[in-house]
Amino acid sequence: MNTLIQNILVFSALAFALFFLIKKYFFKKAKTDRGCGSGDDCGCH
């Protein structure tokens, strides 16, 4: 019984880590070109 719980925890942690990495690197938000600091007058100051 202890091995079953351990396997469930290991595979769920692996699935969570893979989901996090896939979400972070493949589903990035589109960056806007209106960011301050690029020399443009973005109107945020």
C-alpha atoms as a PDB file:
ATOM      1  CA  MET A   1       0.000   0.000   0.000  1.00  0.00           C
ATOM      2  CA  ASN A   2       2.844   2.365   0.788  1.00  0.00           C
ATOM      3  CA  THR A   3       4.395   1.817  -2.654  1.00  0.00           C
ATOM      4  CA  LEU A   4       1.098   2.643  -4.348  1.00  0.00           C
ATOM      5  CA  ILE A   5       0.797   5.988  -2.550  1.00  0.00           C
ATOM      6  CA  GLN A   6       4.434   6.779  -3.300  1.00  0.00           C
ATOM      7  CA  ASN A   7       3.945   6.055  -7.009  1.00  0.00           C
ATOM      8  CA  ILE A   8       0.832   8.223  -7.142  1.00  0.00           C
ATOM      9  CA  LEU A   9       2.678  11.128  -5.517  1.00  0.00           C
ATOM     10  CA  VAL A  10       5.696  10.793  -7.817  1.00  0.00           C
ATOM     11  CA  PHE A  11       3.639  10.668 -11.005  1.00  0.00           C
ATOM     12  CA  SER A  12       1.399  13.529  -9.927  1.00  0.00           C
ATOM     13  CA  ALA A  13       4.456  15.692  -9.146  1.00  0.00           C
ATOM     14  CA  LEU A  14       5.931  14.787 -12.538  1.00  0.00           C
ATOM     15  CA  ALA A  15       2.672  15.660 -14.295  1.00  0.00           C
ATOM     16  CA  PHE A  16       2.476  18.992 -12.456  1.00  0.00           C
ATOM     17  CA  ALA A  17       6.072  19.852 -13.379  1.00  0.00           C
ATOM     18  CA  LEU A  18       5.538  18.980 -17.033  1.00  0.00           C
ATOM     19  CA  PHE A  19       2.303  20.979 -17.140  1.00  0.00           C
ATOM     20  CA  PHE A  20       4.072  23.986 -15.610  1.00  0.00           C
ATOM     21  CA  LEU A  21       6.946  23.845 -18.114  1.00  0.00           C
ATOM     22  CA  ILE A  22       4.650  23.404 -21.097  1.00  0.00           C
ATOM     23  CA  LYS A  23       2.474  26.286 -19.941  1.00  0.00           C
ATOM     24  CA  LYS A  24       5.483  28.522 -19.310  1.00  0.00           C
ATOM     25  CA  TYR A  25       7.323  27.966 -22.590  1.00  0.00           C
ATOM     26  CA  PHE A  26       4.622  27.205 -25.146  1.00  0.00           C
ATOM     27  CA  PHE A  27       1.716  29.414 -24.062  1.00  0.00           C
ATOM     28  CA  LYS A  28       3.454  32.766 -23.686  1.00  0.00           C
ATOM     29  CA  LYS A  29       1.405  35.919 -23.782  1.00  0.00           C
ATOM     30  CA  ALA A  30       2.003  38.224 -26.704  1.00  0.00           C
ATOM     31  CA  LYS A  31       4.174  41.132 -25.674  1.00  0.00           C
ATOM     32  CA  THR A  32       2.993  44.605 -26.496  1.00  0.00           C
ATOM     33  CA  ASP A  33       5.319  47.149 -28.044  1.00  0.00           C
ATOM     34  CA  ARG A  34       4.072  49.863 -25.721  1.00  0.00           C
ATOM     35  CA  GLY A  35       6.459  49.083 -22.885  1.00  0.00           C
ATOM     36  CA  CYS A  36       8.208  51.924 -21.126  1.00  0.00           C
ATOM     37  CA  GLY A  37      11.965  52.085 -21.267  1.00  0.00           C
ATOM     38  CA  SER A  38      12.289  51.648 -24.991  1.00  0.00           C
ATOM     39  CA  GLY A  39      12.656  55.387 -25.607  1.00  0.00           C
ATOM     40  CA  ASP A  40       9.107  55.800 -26.834  1.00  0.00           C
ATOM     41  CA  ASP A  41       6.627  58.154 -25.248  1.00  0.00           C
ATOM     42  CA  CYS A  42       4.099  55.615 -24.051  1.00  0.00           C
ATOM     43  CA  GLY A  43       2.171  58.058 -21.889  1.00  0.00           C
ATOM     44  CA  CYS A  44       2.690  56.153 -18.667  1.00  0.00           C
ATOM     45  CA  HIS A  45       4.658  58.913 -16.921  1.00  0.00           C
END
